[in-house]
Every structure is written in C-alpha cells, then in structure tokens.
PDB file of N, CA and C in Angstrom:
ATOM      1  N   UNK A   1      20.178  45.352 -31.514  1.00  0.00           N
ATOM      2  CA  UNK A   1      21.369  45.776 -32.245  1.00  0.00           C
ATOM      3  C   UNK A   1      21.406  47.290 -32.370  1.00  0.00           C
ATOM      4  N   UNK A   2      20.310  47.886 -32.787  1.00  0.00           N
ATOM      5  CA  UNK A   2      20.262  49.324 -33.044  1.00  0.00           C
ATOM      6  C   UNK A   2      20.616  50.130 -31.800  1.00  0.00           C
ATOM      7  N   UNK A   3      20.036  49.785 -30.667  1.00  0.00           N
ATOM      8  CA  UNK A   3      20.284  50.563 -29.456  1.00  0.00           C
ATOM      9  C   UNK A   3      21.710  50.398 -28.959  1.00  0.00           C
ATOM     10  N   UNK A   4      22.381  49.318 -29.294  1.00  0.00           N
ATOM     11  CA  UNK A   4      23.767  49.131 -28.877  1.00  0.00           C
ATOM     12  C   UNK A   4      24.731  49.923 -29.737  1.00  0.00           C
ATOM     13  N   UNK A   5      24.374  50.210 -30.984  1.00  0.00           N
ATOM     14  CA  UNK A   5      25.281  50.868 -31.914  1.00  0.00           C
ATOM     15  C   UNK A   5      25.143  52.378 -31.875  1.00  0.00           C
ATOM     16  N   UNK A   6      23.939  52.888 -31.771  1.00  0.00           N
ATOM     17  CA  UNK A   6      23.688  54.311 -31.900  1.00  0.00           C
ATOM     18  C   UNK A   6      23.331  54.939 -30.559  1.00  0.00           C
ATOM     19  N   UNK A   7      23.626  56.223 -30.401  1.00  0.00           N
ATOM     20  CA  UNK A   7      23.191  56.957 -29.214  1.00  0.00           C
ATOM     21  C   UNK A   7      22.305  58.116 -29.664  1.00  0.00           C
ATOM     22  N   UNK A   8      21.343  58.478 -28.854  1.00  0.00           N
ATOM     23  CA  UNK A   8      20.407  59.544 -29.215  1.00  0.00           C
ATOM     24  C   UNK A   8      21.051  60.911 -29.055  1.00  0.00           C
ATOM     25  N   UNK A   9      20.737  61.824 -29.964  1.00  0.00           N
ATOM     26  CA  UNK A   9      21.255  63.184 -29.892  1.00  0.00           C
ATOM     27  C   UNK A   9      20.149  64.184 -29.595  1.00  0.00           C
ATOM     28  N   UNK A  10      19.078  64.174 -30.385  1.00  0.00           N
ATOM     29  CA  UNK A  10      17.951  65.078 -30.174  1.00  0.00           C
ATOM     30  C   UNK A  10      16.744  64.473 -30.874  1.00  0.00           C
ATOM     31  N   UNK A  11      15.570  64.886 -30.488  1.00  0.00           N
ATOM     32  CA  UNK A  11      14.369  64.357 -31.132  1.00  0.00           C
ATOM     33  C   UNK A  11      13.954  65.267 -32.277  1.00  0.00           C
ATOM     34  N   UNK A  12      13.113  64.758 -33.183  1.00  0.00           N
ATOM     35  CA  UNK A  12      12.560  65.571 -34.266  1.00  0.00           C
ATOM     36  C   UNK A  12      11.808  66.767 -33.692  1.00  0.00           C
ATOM     37  N   UNK A  13      11.104  66.565 -32.569  1.00  0.00           N
ATOM     38  CA  UNK A  13      10.350  67.645 -31.944  1.00  0.00           C
ATOM     39  C   UNK A  13      11.282  68.765 -31.516  1.00  0.00           C
ATOM     40  N   UNK A  14      12.430  68.412 -30.903  1.00  0.00           N
ATOM     41  CA  UNK A  14      13.399  69.425 -30.491  1.00  0.00           C
ATOM     42  C   UNK A  14      13.881  70.223 -31.692  1.00  0.00           C
ATOM     43  N   UNK A  15      14.177  69.544 -32.786  1.00  0.00           N
ATOM     44  CA  UNK A  15      14.666  70.226 -33.982  1.00  0.00           C
ATOM     45  C   UNK A  15      13.591  71.149 -34.549  1.00  0.00           C
ATOM     46  N   UNK A  16      12.341  70.684 -34.598  1.00  0.00           N
ATOM     47  CA  UNK A  16      11.257  71.517 -35.119  1.00  0.00           C
ATOM     48  C   UNK A  16      11.056  72.758 -34.253  1.00  0.00           C
ATOM     49  N   UNK A  17      11.066  72.578 -32.946  1.00  0.00           N
ATOM     50  CA  UNK A  17      10.835  73.703 -32.059  1.00  0.00           C
ATOM     51  C   UNK A  17      11.982  74.708 -32.121  1.00  0.00           C
ATOM     52  N   UNK A  18      13.196  74.232 -32.295  1.00  0.00           N
ATOM     53  CA  UNK A  18      14.341  75.131 -32.367  1.00  0.00           C
ATOM     54  C   UNK A  18      14.298  75.965 -33.642  1.00  0.00           C
ATOM     55  N   UNK A  19      13.828  75.356 -34.747  1.00  0.00           N
ATOM     56  CA  UNK A  19      13.785  76.073 -36.020  1.00  0.00           C
ATOM     57  C   UNK A  19      12.536  76.930 -36.152  1.00  0.00           C
ATOM     58  N   UNK A  20      11.363  76.399 -35.767  1.00  0.00           N
ATOM     59  CA  UNK A  20      10.092  77.088 -35.966  1.00  0.00           C
ATOM     60  C   UNK A  20       9.209  76.900 -34.730  1.00  0.00           C
ATOM     61  N   UNK A  21       9.491  77.588 -33.630  1.00  0.00           N
ATOM     62  CA  UNK A  21       8.710  77.364 -32.414  1.00  0.00           C
ATOM     63  C   UNK A  21       7.220  77.625 -32.583  1.00  0.00           C
ATOM     64  N   UNK A  22       6.841  78.517 -33.483  1.00  0.00           N
ATOM     65  CA  UNK A  22       5.423  78.817 -33.671  1.00  0.00           C
ATOM     66  C   UNK A  22       4.701  77.754 -34.479  1.00  0.00           C
ATOM     67  N   UNK A  23       5.433  76.923 -35.224  1.00  0.00           N
ATOM     68  CA  UNK A  23       4.812  75.911 -36.072  1.00  0.00           C
ATOM     69  C   UNK A  23       4.879  74.512 -35.485  1.00  0.00           C
ATOM     70  N   UNK A  24       5.590  74.306 -34.373  1.00  0.00           N
ATOM     71  CA  UNK A  24       5.750  72.969 -33.790  1.00  0.00           C
ATOM     72  C   UNK A  24       4.400  72.464 -33.280  1.00  0.00           C
ATOM     73  N   UNK A  25       4.155  71.191 -33.505  1.00  0.00           N
ATOM     74  CA  UNK A  25       2.890  70.598 -33.079  1.00  0.00           C
ATOM     75  C   UNK A  25       2.908  70.370 -31.570  1.00  0.00           C
ATOM     76  N   UNK A  26       1.913  70.903 -30.883  1.00  0.00           N
ATOM     77  CA  UNK A  26       1.842  70.721 -29.435  1.00  0.00           C
ATOM     78  C   UNK A  26       1.172  69.401 -29.075  1.00  0.00           C
ATOM     79  N   UNK A  27       0.577  68.701 -30.044  1.00  0.00           N
ATOM     80  CA  UNK A  27      -0.106  67.454 -29.749  1.00  0.00           C
ATOM     81  C   UNK A  27       0.851  66.271 -29.660  1.00  0.00           C
ATOM     82  N   UNK A  28       2.049  66.393 -30.203  1.00  0.00           N
ATOM     83  CA  UNK A  28       3.009  65.300 -30.144  1.00  0.00           C
ATOM     84  C   UNK A  28       3.896  65.447 -28.922  1.00  0.00           C
ATOM     85  N   UNK A  29       4.179  64.310 -28.290  1.00  0.00           N
ATOM     86  CA  UNK A  29       5.110  64.305 -27.173  1.00  0.00           C
ATOM     87  C   UNK A  29       6.422  63.700 -27.643  1.00  0.00           C
ATOM     88  N   UNK A  30       7.462  63.820 -26.824  1.00  0.00           N
ATOM     89  CA  UNK A  30       8.751  63.240 -27.186  1.00  0.00           C
ATOM     90  C   UNK A  30       8.660  61.729 -27.352  1.00  0.00           C
ATOM     91  N   UNK A  31       7.705  61.086 -26.660  1.00  0.00           N
ATOM     92  CA  UNK A  31       7.539  59.641 -26.792  1.00  0.00           C
ATOM     93  C   UNK A  31       6.959  59.266 -28.153  1.00  0.00           C
ATOM     94  N   UNK A  32       6.213  60.195 -28.790  1.00  0.00           N
ATOM     95  CA  UNK A  32       5.587  59.935 -30.082  1.00  0.00           C
ATOM     96  C   UNK A  32       6.567  60.074 -31.243  1.00  0.00           C
ATOM     97  N   UNK A  33       7.638  60.827 -31.037  1.00  0.00           N
ATOM     98  CA  UNK A  33       8.559  61.160 -32.117  1.00  0.00           C
ATOM     99  C   UNK A  33       9.832  60.353 -31.961  1.00  0.00           C
ATOM    100  N   UNK A  34      10.250  59.639 -33.015  1.00  0.00           N
ATOM    101  CA  UNK A  34      11.491  58.865 -32.900  1.00  0.00           C
ATOM    102  C   UNK A  34      12.692  59.783 -32.716  1.00  0.00           C
ATOM    103  N   UNK A  35      13.632  59.343 -31.919  1.00  0.00           N
ATOM    104  CA  UNK A  35      14.841  60.127 -31.660  1.00  0.00           C
ATOM    105  C   UNK A  35      15.734  60.158 -32.896  1.00  0.00           C
ATOM    106  N   UNK A  36      16.490  61.221 -33.012  1.00  0.00           N
ATOM    107  CA  UNK A  36      17.538  61.282 -34.031  1.00  0.00           C
ATOM    108  C   UNK A  36      18.738  60.555 -33.458  1.00  0.00           C
ATOM    109  N   UNK A  37      19.297  59.645 -34.217  1.00  0.00           N
ATOM    110  CA  UNK A  37      20.394  58.821 -33.705  1.00  0.00           C
ATOM    111  C   UNK A  37      21.722  59.218 -34.345  1.00  0.00           C
ATOM    112  N   UNK A  38      22.773  59.013 -33.598  1.00  0.00           N
ATOM    113  CA  UNK A  38      24.120  59.382 -34.039  1.00  0.00           C
ATOM    114  C   UNK A  38      24.653  58.365 -35.048  1.00  0.00           C
ATOM    115  N   UNK A  39      25.331  58.869 -36.048  1.00  0.00           N
ATOM    116  CA  UNK A  39      25.970  58.025 -37.071  1.00  0.00           C
ATOM    117  C   UNK A  39      27.338  58.619 -37.369  1.00  0.00           C
ATOM    118  N   UNK A  40      28.284  57.763 -37.694  1.00  0.00           N
ATOM    119  CA  UNK A  40      29.605  58.259 -38.078  1.00  0.00           C
ATOM    120  C   UNK A  40      30.143  57.429 -39.241  1.00  0.00           C
ATOM    121  N   UNK A  41      31.282  57.844 -39.773  1.00  0.00           N
ATOM    122  CA  UNK A  41      31.850  57.199 -40.957  1.00  0.00           C
ATOM    123  C   UNK A  41      32.141  55.724 -40.707  1.00  0.00           C
ATOM    124  N   UNK A  42      32.638  55.406 -39.519  1.00  0.00           N
ATOM    125  CA  UNK A  42      32.949  54.005 -39.186  1.00  0.00           C
ATOM    126  C   UNK A  42      31.698  53.144 -39.323  1.00  0.00           C
ATOM    127  N   UNK A  43      30.551  53.633 -38.836  1.00  0.00           N
ATOM    128  CA  UNK A  43      29.304  52.873 -38.923  1.00  0.00           C
ATOM    129  C   UNK A  43      28.799  52.784 -40.358  1.00  0.00           C
ATOM    130  N   UNK A  44      28.967  53.863 -41.126  1.00  0.00           N
ATOM    131  CA  UNK A  44      28.494  53.855 -42.520  1.00  0.00           C
ATOM    132  C   UNK A  44      29.291  52.903 -43.396  1.00  0.00           C
ATOM    133  N   UNK A  45      30.435  52.463 -42.929  1.00  0.00           N
ATOM    134  CA  UNK A  45      31.257  51.523 -43.701  1.00  0.00           C
ATOM    135  C   UNK A  45      31.001  50.074 -43.311  1.00  0.00           C
ATOM    136  N   UNK A  46      30.052  49.834 -42.426  1.00  0.00           N
ATOM    137  CA  UNK A  46      29.714  48.471 -41.994  1.00  0.00           C
ATOM    138  C   UNK A  46      28.420  48.029 -42.687  1.00  0.00           C
ATOM    139  N   UNK A  47      28.510  47.059 -43.589  1.00  0.00           N
ATOM    140  CA  UNK A  47      27.312  46.628 -44.344  1.00  0.00           C
ATOM    141  C   UNK A  47      26.141  46.216 -43.460  1.00  0.00           C
ATOM    142  N   UNK A  48      26.405  45.570 -42.317  1.00  0.00           N
ATOM    143  CA  UNK A  48      25.304  45.141 -41.452  1.00  0.00           C
ATOM    144  C   UNK A  48      24.587  46.341 -40.831  1.00  0.00           C
ATOM    145  N   UNK A  49      25.302  47.417 -40.552  1.00  0.00           N
ATOM    146  CA  UNK A  49      24.677  48.628 -40.020  1.00  0.00           C
ATOM    147  C   UNK A  49      23.818  49.281 -41.105  1.00  0.00           C
ATOM    148  N   UNK A  50      24.339  49.358 -42.315  1.00  0.00           N
ATOM    149  CA  UNK A  50      23.585  49.958 -43.425  1.00  0.00           C
ATOM    150  C   UNK A  50      22.311  49.161 -43.693  1.00  0.00           C
ATOM    151  N   UNK A  51      22.399  47.844 -43.685  1.00  0.00           N
ATOM    152  CA  UNK A  51      21.198  47.027 -43.908  1.00  0.00           C
ATOM    153  C   UNK A  51      20.170  47.268 -42.794  1.00  0.00           C
ATOM    154  N   UNK A  52      20.649  47.445 -41.566  1.00  0.00           N
ATOM    155  CA  UNK A  52      19.733  47.735 -40.458  1.00  0.00           C
ATOM    156  C   UNK A  52      19.070  49.104 -40.638  1.00  0.00           C
ATOM    157  N   UNK A  53      19.843  50.094 -41.050  1.00  0.00           N
ATOM    158  CA  UNK A  53      19.287  51.434 -41.290  1.00  0.00           C
ATOM    159  C   UNK A  53      18.220  51.378 -42.377  1.00  0.00           C
ATOM    160  N   UNK A  54      18.504  50.678 -43.477  1.00  0.00           N
ATOM    161  CA  UNK A  54      17.534  50.584 -44.573  1.00  0.00           C
ATOM    162  C   UNK A  54      16.261  49.853 -44.140  1.00  0.00           C
ATOM    163  N   UNK A  55      16.399  48.870 -43.253  1.00  0.00           N
ATOM    164  CA  UNK A  55      15.239  48.096 -42.802  1.00  0.00           C
ATOM    165  C   UNK A  55      14.415  48.844 -41.747  1.00  0.00           C
ATOM    166  N   UNK A  56      15.020  49.793 -41.066  1.00  0.00           N
ATOM    167  CA  UNK A  56      14.347  50.549 -40.001  1.00  0.00           C
ATOM    168  C   UNK A  56      13.394  51.559 -40.630  1.00  0.00           C
ATOM    169  N   UNK A  57      12.099  51.353 -40.464  1.00  0.00           N
ATOM    170  CA  UNK A  57      11.094  52.246 -41.058  1.00  0.00           C
ATOM    171  C   UNK A  57      10.676  53.367 -40.105  1.00  0.00           C
ATOM    172  N   UNK A  58      11.259  53.440 -38.917  1.00  0.00           N
ATOM    173  CA  UNK A  58      10.908  54.460 -37.936  1.00  0.00           C
ATOM    174  C   UNK A  58      11.843  55.661 -38.021  1.00  0.00           C
ATOM    175  N   UNK A  59      13.135  55.405 -38.078  1.00  0.00           N
ATOM    176  CA  UNK A  59      14.124  56.487 -38.092  1.00  0.00           C
ATOM    177  C   UNK A  59      14.474  56.877 -39.527  1.00  0.00           C
ATOM    178  N   UNK A  60      14.530  58.162 -39.790  1.00  0.00           N
ATOM    179  CA  UNK A  60      15.009  58.607 -41.086  1.00  0.00           C
ATOM    180  C   UNK A  60      16.002  59.746 -40.933  1.00  0.00           C
ATOM    181  N   UNK A  61      16.031  60.401 -39.761  1.00  0.00           N
ATOM    182  CA  UNK A  61      17.039  61.422 -39.487  1.00  0.00           C
ATOM    183  C   UNK A  61      18.148  60.837 -38.633  1.00  0.00           C
ATOM    184  N   UNK A  62      19.360  61.238 -38.919  1.00  0.00           N
ATOM    185  CA  UNK A  62      20.527  60.840 -38.152  1.00  0.00           C
ATOM    186  C   UNK A  62      21.327  62.103 -37.869  1.00  0.00           C
ATOM    187  N   UNK A  63      22.296  62.026 -36.964  1.00  0.00           N
ATOM    188  CA  UNK A  63      23.099  63.195 -36.622  1.00  0.00           C
ATOM    189  C   UNK A  63      24.567  62.812 -36.576  1.00  0.00           C
ATOM    190  N   UNK A  64      25.393  63.752 -36.974  1.00  0.00           N
ATOM    191  CA  UNK A  64      26.837  63.549 -36.937  1.00  0.00           C
ATOM    192  C   UNK A  64      27.517  64.887 -36.727  1.00  0.00           C
ATOM    193  N   UNK A  65      28.691  64.838 -36.144  1.00  0.00           N
ATOM    194  CA  UNK A  65      29.522  66.031 -36.051  1.00  0.00           C
ATOM    195  C   UNK A  65      30.738  65.879 -36.956  1.00  0.00           C
ATOM    196  N   UNK A  66      30.672  64.914 -37.856  1.00  0.00           N
ATOM    197  CA  UNK A  66      31.735  64.685 -38.841  1.00  0.00           C
ATOM    198  C   UNK A  66      31.408  65.499 -40.095  1.00  0.00           C
ATOM    199  N   UNK A  67      32.190  66.534 -40.323  1.00  0.00           N
ATOM    200  CA  UNK A  67      31.982  67.405 -41.475  1.00  0.00           C
ATOM    201  C   UNK A  67      33.001  67.126 -42.576  1.00  0.00           C
ATOM    202  N   UNK A  68      33.648  65.974 -42.519  1.00  0.00           N
ATOM    203  CA  UNK A  68      34.682  65.656 -43.512  1.00  0.00           C
ATOM    204  C   UNK A  68      34.044  65.366 -44.869  1.00  0.00           C
ATOM    205  N   UNK A  69      34.774  65.679 -45.944  1.00  0.00           N
ATOM    206  CA  UNK A  69      34.270  65.355 -47.286  1.00  0.00           C
ATOM    207  C   UNK A  69      33.987  63.855 -47.444  1.00  0.00           C
ATOM    208  N   UNK A  70      34.809  62.994 -46.844  1.00  0.00           N
ATOM    209  CA  UNK A  70      34.603  61.543 -46.965  1.00  0.00           C
ATOM    210  C   UNK A  70      33.274  61.124 -46.346  1.00  0.00           C
ATOM    211  N   UNK A  71      32.951  61.658 -45.174  1.00  0.00           N
ATOM    212  CA  UNK A  71      31.665  61.340 -44.551  1.00  0.00           C
ATOM    213  C   UNK A  71      30.515  61.834 -45.419  1.00  0.00           C
ATOM    214  N   UNK A  72      30.622  63.078 -45.899  1.00  0.00           N
ATOM    215  CA  UNK A  72      29.535  63.663 -46.682  1.00  0.00           C
ATOM    216  C   UNK A  72      29.283  62.866 -47.963  1.00  0.00           C
ATOM    217  N   UNK A  73      30.339  62.518 -48.671  1.00  0.00           N
ATOM    218  CA  UNK A  73      30.187  61.747 -49.911  1.00  0.00           C
ATOM    219  C   UNK A  73      29.626  60.357 -49.614  1.00  0.00           C
ATOM    220  N   UNK A  74      30.125  59.720 -48.550  1.00  0.00           N
ATOM    221  CA  UNK A  74      29.652  58.374 -48.197  1.00  0.00           C
ATOM    222  C   UNK A  74      28.164  58.385 -47.874  1.00  0.00           C
ATOM    223  N   UNK A  75      27.723  59.320 -47.037  1.00  0.00           N
ATOM    224  CA  UNK A  75      26.300  59.346 -46.679  1.00  0.00           C
ATOM    225  C   UNK A  75      25.441  59.692 -47.895  1.00  0.00           C
ATOM    226  N   UNK A  76      25.920  60.554 -48.767  1.00  0.00           N
ATOM    227  CA  UNK A  76      25.163  60.895 -49.976  1.00  0.00           C
ATOM    228  C   UNK A  76      25.035  59.685 -50.902  1.00  0.00           C
ATOM    229  N   UNK A  77      26.113  58.944 -51.074  1.00  0.00           N
ATOM    230  CA  UNK A  77      26.078  57.752 -51.935  1.00  0.00           C
ATOM    231  C   UNK A  77      25.170  56.663 -51.373  1.00  0.00           C
ATOM    232  N   UNK A  78      24.945  56.671 -50.069  1.00  0.00           N
ATOM    233  CA  UNK A  78      24.078  55.682 -49.438  1.00  0.00           C
ATOM    234  C   UNK A  78      22.601  56.109 -49.430  1.00  0.00           C
ATOM    235  N   UNK A  79      22.304  57.307 -49.944  1.00  0.00           N
ATOM    236  CA  UNK A  79      20.917  57.728 -50.054  1.00  0.00           C
ATOM    237  C   UNK A  79      20.479  58.777 -49.053  1.00  0.00           C
ATOM    238  N   UNK A  80      21.417  59.429 -48.386  1.00  0.00           N
ATOM    239  CA  UNK A  80      21.098  60.480 -47.432  1.00  0.00           C
ATOM    240  C   UNK A  80      21.307  61.843 -48.074  1.00  0.00           C
ATOM    241  N   UNK A  81      20.518  62.807 -47.654  1.00  0.00           N
ATOM    242  CA  UNK A  81      20.745  64.211 -47.975  1.00  0.00           C
ATOM    243  C   UNK A  81      20.846  64.907 -46.621  1.00  0.00           C
ATOM    244  N   UNK A  82      21.933  65.652 -46.411  1.00  0.00           N
ATOM    245  CA  UNK A  82      22.185  66.241 -45.095  1.00  0.00           C
ATOM    246  C   UNK A  82      21.988  67.749 -45.094  1.00  0.00           C
ATOM    247  N   UNK A  83      21.521  68.242 -43.964  1.00  0.00           N
ATOM    248  CA  UNK A  83      21.418  69.674 -43.716  1.00  0.00           C
ATOM    249  C   UNK A  83      22.152  69.961 -42.412  1.00  0.00           C
ATOM    250  N   UNK A  84      22.511  71.226 -42.229  1.00  0.00           N
ATOM    251  CA  UNK A  84      23.194  71.635 -41.004  1.00  0.00           C
ATOM    252  C   UNK A  84      22.179  72.073 -39.961  1.00  0.00           C
ATOM    253  N   UNK A  85      22.473  71.763 -38.714  1.00  0.00           N
ATOM    254  CA  UNK A  85      21.678  72.224 -37.575  1.00  0.00           C
ATOM    255  C   UNK A  85      22.658  72.482 -36.437  1.00  0.00           C
ATOM    256  N   UNK A  86      23.011  73.732 -36.227  1.00  0.00           N
ATOM    257  CA  UNK A  86      24.017  74.058 -35.208  1.00  0.00           C
ATOM    258  C   UNK A  86      25.346  73.420 -35.563  1.00  0.00           C
ATOM    259  N   UNK A  87      25.910  72.680 -34.624  1.00  0.00           N
ATOM    260  CA  UNK A  87      27.178  71.980 -34.838  1.00  0.00           C
ATOM    261  C   UNK A  87      26.987  70.611 -35.481  1.00  0.00           C
ATOM    262  N   UNK A  88      25.756  70.254 -35.781  1.00  0.00           N
ATOM    263  CA  UNK A  88      25.457  68.919 -36.298  1.00  0.00           C
ATOM    264  C   UNK A  88      25.163  68.936 -37.791  1.00  0.00           C
ATOM    265  N   UNK A  89      25.536  67.860 -38.428  1.00  0.00           N
ATOM    266  CA  UNK A  89      25.116  67.557 -39.782  1.00  0.00           C
ATOM    267  C   UNK A  89      24.004  66.526 -39.620  1.00  0.00           C
ATOM    268  N   UNK A  90      22.833  66.774 -40.220  1.00  0.00           N
ATOM    269  CA  UNK A  90      21.687  65.886 -40.059  1.00  0.00           C
ATOM    270  C   UNK A  90      21.373  65.176 -41.372  1.00  0.00           C
ATOM    271  N   UNK A  91      21.996  64.012 -41.596  1.00  0.00           N
ATOM    272  CA  UNK A  91      21.663  63.239 -42.789  1.00  0.00           C
ATOM    273  C   UNK A  91      20.252  62.660 -42.666  1.00  0.00           C
ATOM    274  N   UNK A  92      19.440  62.865 -43.695  1.00  0.00           N
ATOM    275  CA  UNK A  92      18.100  62.289 -43.733  1.00  0.00           C
ATOM    276  C   UNK A  92      18.072  61.237 -44.828  1.00  0.00           C
ATOM    277  N   UNK A  93      17.661  60.020 -44.466  1.00  0.00           N
ATOM    278  CA  UNK A  93      17.568  58.949 -45.447  1.00  0.00           C
ATOM    279  C   UNK A  93      16.409  59.236 -46.381  1.00  0.00           C
ATOM    280  N   UNK A  94      16.696  59.319 -47.659  1.00  0.00           N
ATOM    281  CA  UNK A  94      15.686  59.591 -48.687  1.00  0.00           C
ATOM    282  C   UNK A  94      15.192  58.241 -49.206  1.00  0.00           C
ATOM    283  N   UNK A  95      14.083  57.781 -48.674  1.00  0.00           N
ATOM    284  CA  UNK A  95      13.597  56.436 -49.004  1.00  0.00           C
ATOM    285  C   UNK A  95      12.902  56.338 -50.356  1.00  0.00           C
ATOM    286  N   UNK A  96      12.196  57.389 -50.791  1.00  0.00           N
ATOM    287  CA  UNK A  96      11.394  57.248 -52.001  1.00  0.00           C
ATOM    288  C   UNK A  96      11.479  58.410 -52.970  1.00  0.00           C
ATOM    289  N   UNK A  97      11.776  59.588 -52.519  1.00  0.00           N
ATOM    290  CA  UNK A  97      11.549  60.741 -53.377  1.00  0.00           C
ATOM    291  C   UNK A  97      12.806  61.475 -53.799  1.00  0.00           C
ATOM    292  N   UNK A  98      13.952  60.883 -53.675  1.00  0.00           N
ATOM    293  CA  UNK A  98      15.171  61.595 -54.052  1.00  0.00           C
ATOM    294  C   UNK A  98      16.043  60.710 -54.928  1.00  0.00           C
ATOM    295  N   UNK A  99      16.394  61.226 -56.079  1.00  0.00           N
ATOM    296  CA  UNK A  99      17.338  60.548 -56.960  1.00  0.00           C
ATOM    297  C   UNK A  99      18.417  61.556 -57.305  1.00  0.00           C
ATOM    298  N   UNK A 100      19.652  61.219 -56.993  1.00  0.00           N
ATOM    299  CA  UNK A 100      20.767  62.110 -57.320  1.00  0.00           C
ATOM    300  C   UNK A 100      21.584  61.464 -58.424  1.00  0.00           C
ATOM    301  N   UNK A 101      21.709  62.151 -59.540  1.00  0.00           N
ATOM    302  CA  UNK A 101      22.534  61.668 -60.647  1.00  0.00           C
ATOM    303  C   UNK A 101      23.729  62.604 -60.735  1.00  0.00           C
ATOM    304  N   UNK A 102      24.905  62.062 -60.465  1.00  0.00           N
ATOM    305  CA  UNK A 102      26.115  62.870 -60.473  1.00  0.00           C
ATOM    306  C   UNK A 102      26.800  62.715 -61.824  1.00  0.00           C
ATOM    307  N   UNK A 103      26.904  63.824 -62.537  1.00  0.00           N
ATOM    308  CA  UNK A 103      27.539  63.833 -63.855  1.00  0.00           C
ATOM    309  C   UNK A 103      28.562  64.953 -63.892  1.00  0.00           C
ATOM    310  N   UNK A 104      29.552  64.833 -64.764  1.00  0.00           N
ATOM    311  CA  UNK A 104      30.484  65.950 -64.918  1.00  0.00           C
ATOM    312  C   UNK A 104      29.765  67.175 -65.446  1.00  0.00           C
ATOM    313  N   UNK A 105      30.251  68.343 -65.071  1.00  0.00           N
ATOM    314  CA  UNK A 105      29.674  69.580 -65.578  1.00  0.00           C
ATOM    315  C   UNK A 105      29.856  69.658 -67.077  1.00  0.00           C
ATOM    316  N   UNK A 106      28.926  70.310 -67.751  1.00  0.00           N
ATOM    317  CA  UNK A 106      28.984  70.446 -69.203  1.00  0.00           C
ATOM    318  C   UNK A 106      30.300  71.098 -69.616  1.00  0.00           C
ATOM    319  N   UNK A 107      30.987  70.462 -70.551  1.00  0.00           N
ATOM    320  CA  UNK A 107      32.239  71.018 -71.057  1.00  0.00           C
ATOM    321  C   UNK A 107      33.462  70.610 -70.255  1.00  0.00           C
ATOM    322  N   UNK A 108      33.276  69.803 -69.199  1.00  0.00           N
ATOM    323  CA  UNK A 108      34.406  69.346 -68.403  1.00  0.00           C
ATOM    324  C   UNK A 108      34.600  67.855 -68.624  1.00  0.00           C
ATOM    325  N   UNK A 109      35.837  67.461 -68.773  1.00  0.00           N
ATOM    326  CA  UNK A 109      36.153  66.046 -68.979  1.00  0.00           C
ATOM    327  C   UNK A 109      35.990  65.293 -67.664  1.00  0.00           C
ATOM    328  N   UNK A 110      35.477  64.068 -67.720  1.00  0.00           N
ATOM    329  CA  UNK A 110      35.350  63.234 -66.524  1.00  0.00           C
ATOM    330  C   UNK A 110      36.719  62.722 -66.123  1.00  0.00           C
ATOM    331  N   UNK A 111      36.929  62.593 -64.816  1.00  0.00           N
ATOM    332  CA  UNK A 111      38.219  62.073 -64.321  1.00  0.00           C
ATOM    333  C   UNK A 111      38.293  60.577 -64.471  1.00  0.00           C
TER     334      UNK A 111
END
C-alpha cells in the first residue's frame, strides 16, 4: 500500500549532507536510510493513509510542495512539525516528544 501511494523525494542522508556536509555520517549508505516520501493534503484527509503513517515505524520525515495554510494546519493537527528545505516543506511526525497546545493569546477572545 505504502509504495503505491507515496513517491520518494530525497533521503535523510541527502538532506543531512546538503545542510551540514562536514557532519554527515560517512558510514551510512542510502540503503541504510529510509527515503523521505511525498505527502499532500489529499492523502492527509484519507483515514486509511493516516493510520498507515502512524503504524509505519521506519519513516518519520515526509515532503510536500504544498505551502497552503490548510495543508500546514492539517499536518500540524495530525502530529507533524514541518521545516523548510529549499522548495520543500518537510513535515516530521512527532511520535513521542512533541505536544502542541493551541490556546488564544492572552487578552484575546477565542473565536
């Protein structure tokens, strides 16, 4: 199922080397590092895809070129925190160490 839905964009090794070439591990090969897979808003709205993502313990980085507010809010509500890398938004699934509590700013009425 996973390979039919998603396409590979870049590997974690490629991203590490592009950001910090002096710190990239030379002992890992591309075969050792799981690929970053493409995700979009249409896929994030499919419960069976989300359940597959949550069950997948290998992949935690995803890539998208969708910079829309709807995509960003949807991926954040599903447990991803995204960073920019070139033209890509890289949502990372936060499995254990991230809790986001969204509250109105102090002194502002909630909508």
